[in-house]
Protein backbone atom coordinates (compact mmCIF):
# COMPACT_ATOMS: atom_id res chain seq x y z
CA MET A 1 134.85 151.12 128.10
CA SER A 2 131.50 151.43 126.46
CA ARG A 3 128.35 149.75 127.57
CA PHE A 4 125.45 148.72 125.43
CA PRO A 5 122.08 148.88 127.08
CA VAL A 6 120.43 145.44 127.20
CA PRO A 7 116.65 145.53 127.25
CA LYS A 8 115.28 144.10 130.46
CA ALA A 9 112.86 141.77 128.62
CA LEU A 10 115.79 140.13 126.76
CA LEU A 11 117.72 139.71 130.00
CA VAL A 12 114.71 138.08 131.72
CA CYS A 13 114.21 135.66 128.78
CA ALA A 14 117.89 134.66 128.82
CA LEU A 15 117.78 133.99 132.56
CA LEU A 16 114.55 132.03 132.24
CA VAL A 17 115.93 129.77 129.47
CA THR A 18 119.15 129.21 131.41
CA SER A 19 117.32 128.30 134.59
CA LEU A 20 115.04 125.80 132.81
CA GLY A 21 117.89 123.89 131.17
CA LEU A 22 117.77 122.19 127.82
CA THR A 23 114.73 120.12 127.00
CA ALA A 24 114.62 117.54 124.21
CA ILE A 25 111.91 118.16 121.67
CA PRO A 26 110.38 114.93 120.40
CA VAL A 27 110.55 114.46 116.64
CA ALA A 28 107.46 113.01 114.99
CA ALA A 29 107.74 109.77 113.08
CA GLN A 30 108.22 110.43 109.42
CA ALA A 31 107.36 108.34 106.41
CA ASN A 32 109.83 108.55 103.55
CA VAL A 33 107.57 107.74 100.63
CA GLN A 34 108.36 108.30 96.98
CA ILE A 35 107.08 107.44 93.55
CA SER A 36 110.14 105.53 92.41
CA SER A 37 109.10 104.82 88.81
CA VAL A 38 106.36 105.09 86.24
CA SER A 39 106.38 102.99 83.06
CA ILE A 40 104.16 103.14 79.99
CA SER A 41 103.27 100.16 77.79
CA PRO A 42 103.19 100.29 74.83
CA ASP A 43 105.68 103.13 74.79
CA GLU A 44 104.35 104.58 71.48
CA PRO A 45 100.57 104.08 71.57
CA THR A 46 98.08 105.12 68.89
CA PRO A 47 94.75 106.90 69.49
CA GLY A 48 92.19 104.59 71.05
CA GLU A 49 94.78 101.99 72.04
CA ARG A 50 94.76 100.76 75.63
CA VAL A 51 97.85 102.00 77.48
CA THR A 52 99.02 100.59 80.82
CA VAL A 53 100.62 103.05 83.24
CA GLU A 54 102.46 101.17 86.01
CA THR A 55 103.40 103.26 89.03
CA THR A 56 105.74 101.99 91.75
CA VAL A 57 105.38 103.62 95.18
CA GLN A 58 108.12 102.96 97.71
CA ASN A 59 108.23 103.43 101.49
CA LEU A 60 111.95 103.79 102.12
CA ALA A 61 113.74 101.63 104.70
CA SER A 62 114.54 104.80 106.65
CA SER A 63 110.82 105.37 107.25
CA ASP A 64 109.46 105.12 110.79
CA GLU A 65 106.03 103.77 109.89
CA THR A 66 103.74 101.88 107.58
CA VAL A 67 101.64 103.98 105.20
CA ASP A 68 98.35 103.30 103.42
CA ILE A 69 97.90 104.36 99.80
CA THR A 70 94.44 105.91 99.96
CA SER A 71 94.21 106.98 96.31
CA MET A 72 96.13 107.01 93.07
CA TYR A 73 95.01 108.82 89.93
CA ILE A 74 96.27 110.10 86.59
CA ARG A 75 95.39 113.56 85.33
CA THR A 76 96.23 115.71 82.37
CA SER A 77 98.93 117.99 83.81
CA GLY A 78 97.58 121.29 85.12
CA THR A 79 93.93 120.20 84.95
CA THR A 80 91.40 118.18 86.87
CA ASP A 81 90.71 115.93 83.86
CA GLU A 82 91.24 112.37 85.09
CA TYR A 83 92.13 109.33 83.03
CA GLY A 84 91.75 106.88 85.88
CA ARG A 85 91.58 106.50 89.65
CA VAL A 86 91.97 103.70 92.18
CA GLY A 87 91.40 103.87 95.92
CA ASP A 88 92.48 101.88 98.97
CA VAL A 89 95.46 100.33 97.18
CA GLY A 90 96.97 98.86 100.35
CA SER A 91 99.71 99.34 102.93
CA ILE A 92 103.45 99.62 102.49
CA ALA A 93 105.78 98.79 105.38
CA PRO A 94 109.16 100.50 105.70
CA GLY A 95 111.47 99.15 102.99
CA GLY A 96 108.55 97.91 100.90
CA SER A 97 107.01 98.96 97.62
CA VAL A 98 103.90 98.35 95.55
CA THR A 99 103.36 98.61 91.78
CA VAL A 100 99.91 99.62 90.61
CA PRO A 101 98.79 99.29 86.97
CA MET A 102 96.15 101.64 85.55
CA SER A 103 94.75 101.69 82.02
CA VAL A 104 94.20 104.83 79.95
CA ARG A 105 93.26 105.63 76.35
CA PHE A 106 94.04 108.74 74.35
CA ASP A 107 91.65 110.12 71.73
CA GLU A 108 94.17 112.09 69.70
CA ALA A 109 97.74 111.78 68.47
CA GLY A 110 100.39 114.09 69.91
CA GLU A 111 102.29 114.59 73.14
CA GLN A 112 100.27 113.92 76.27
CA ARG A 113 101.48 115.55 79.48
CA LEU A 114 100.18 113.66 82.48
CA THR A 115 100.71 113.66 86.23
CA VAL A 116 100.42 110.60 88.44
CA HIS A 117 99.07 111.57 91.88
CA VAL A 118 99.47 109.37 94.96
CA THR A 119 97.96 110.11 98.37
CA VAL A 120 99.15 108.21 101.45
CA GLN A 121 98.03 108.21 105.06
CA ASN A 122 100.44 107.50 107.91
CA GLU A 123 99.71 105.65 111.16
CA ARG A 124 98.75 108.90 112.93
CA GLY A 125 96.10 109.67 110.31
CA ASN A 126 98.05 112.41 108.50
CA TYR A 127 97.82 112.59 104.70
CA ARG A 128 100.58 113.41 102.24
CA SER A 129 100.41 113.69 98.44
CA TYR A 130 103.05 112.98 95.82
CA GLU A 131 103.16 113.76 92.09
CA TYR A 132 105.15 112.35 89.18
CA PRO A 133 105.16 113.88 85.67
CA VAL A 134 104.70 111.54 82.69
CA PHE A 135 105.06 112.35 78.99
CA VAL A 136 103.52 110.05 76.39
CA THR A 137 103.80 110.49 72.63
CA VAL A 138 100.68 109.15 70.95
CA GLU A 139 101.60 108.25 67.36
CA GLU A 140 99.44 108.70 64.28
CA PRO A 141 98.18 105.30 63.13
CA SER A 142 100.41 103.85 60.43
CA VAL A 143 99.52 100.83 58.32
CA ARG A 144 102.55 99.33 56.61
CA ALA A 145 102.74 95.78 55.44
CA ASP A 146 105.28 93.59 53.73
CA LEU A 147 103.90 90.79 51.57
CA SER A 148 106.12 87.96 50.44
CA ALA A 149 105.24 85.06 48.12
CA THR A 150 107.36 81.95 47.68
CA PRO A 151 106.32 79.23 45.20
CA ASN A 152 107.16 75.69 46.19
CA GLU A 153 107.50 72.37 44.33
CA SER A 154 103.83 71.35 44.65
CA ASP A 155 102.48 74.25 42.55
CA THR A 156 101.37 76.15 45.65
CA THR A 157 102.63 79.44 46.92
CA ALA A 158 103.42 80.28 50.54
CA VAL A 159 102.39 83.84 51.36
CA GLY A 160 103.69 85.81 54.34
CA LEU A 161 102.32 89.08 55.64
CA THR A 162 104.42 91.14 58.06
CA ASN A 163 103.04 94.11 59.97
CA LEU A 164 105.58 96.97 59.94
CA GLY A 165 103.15 99.65 61.13
CA ASN A 166 101.84 100.54 64.55
CA VAL A 167 98.25 99.40 64.02
CA GLU A 168 97.24 95.81 64.71
CA PHE A 169 96.02 93.85 61.68
CA ALA A 170 92.55 92.39 62.03
CA ASP A 171 90.41 90.43 59.56
CA VAL A 172 93.08 90.49 56.86
CA GLU A 173 91.92 89.24 53.49
CA LEU A 174 94.32 88.46 50.62
CA THR A 175 93.24 87.98 47.04
CA ALA A 176 95.50 86.46 44.39
CA SER A 177 95.22 87.02 40.68
CA ASP A 178 97.13 85.90 37.63
CA ASP A 179 98.76 88.59 35.51
CA GLY A 180 96.47 87.44 32.69
CA ASP A 181 99.08 86.70 30.02
CA GLY A 182 98.41 82.94 30.09
CA THR A 183 101.99 81.91 30.89
CA ASP A 184 102.94 79.61 33.71
């Protein structure tokens, strides 16, 4: 029979733990917050166009406490360049959610990589931050129109102009001319 030497310090610790019994360790209340969705409108903006970014923050029903949204902001991913920020958005009880719209504009066409940041504070004063990646494709402006003309019985012509591009028409002016051959 072989014996393994047990260090005295380990033996004392084992006896001490055994003599104290098991003690329950309290678990701190925990908020289960998440950014549940982010939507972009319009989904294919052009440079300079106002874009609405709607972020929904949810405090799950399994949460133990109400949280306050202390700040929400949108940054270019990997930078400190901000497109917008709001503070003191409000409180969310367990099982509740809040949707916050923010407006942004992009100067150039191309893919924009953004991050929505949300900071919440729980009832004990502790802060927690959440991030959500967002990708937006900013389209080159495109002007495309379809013009239709339909003569009617009263010697007038109904003209229709349809915008097929991604730029809003403004101050449209149409000019009509005869082909000049003198025929009706």
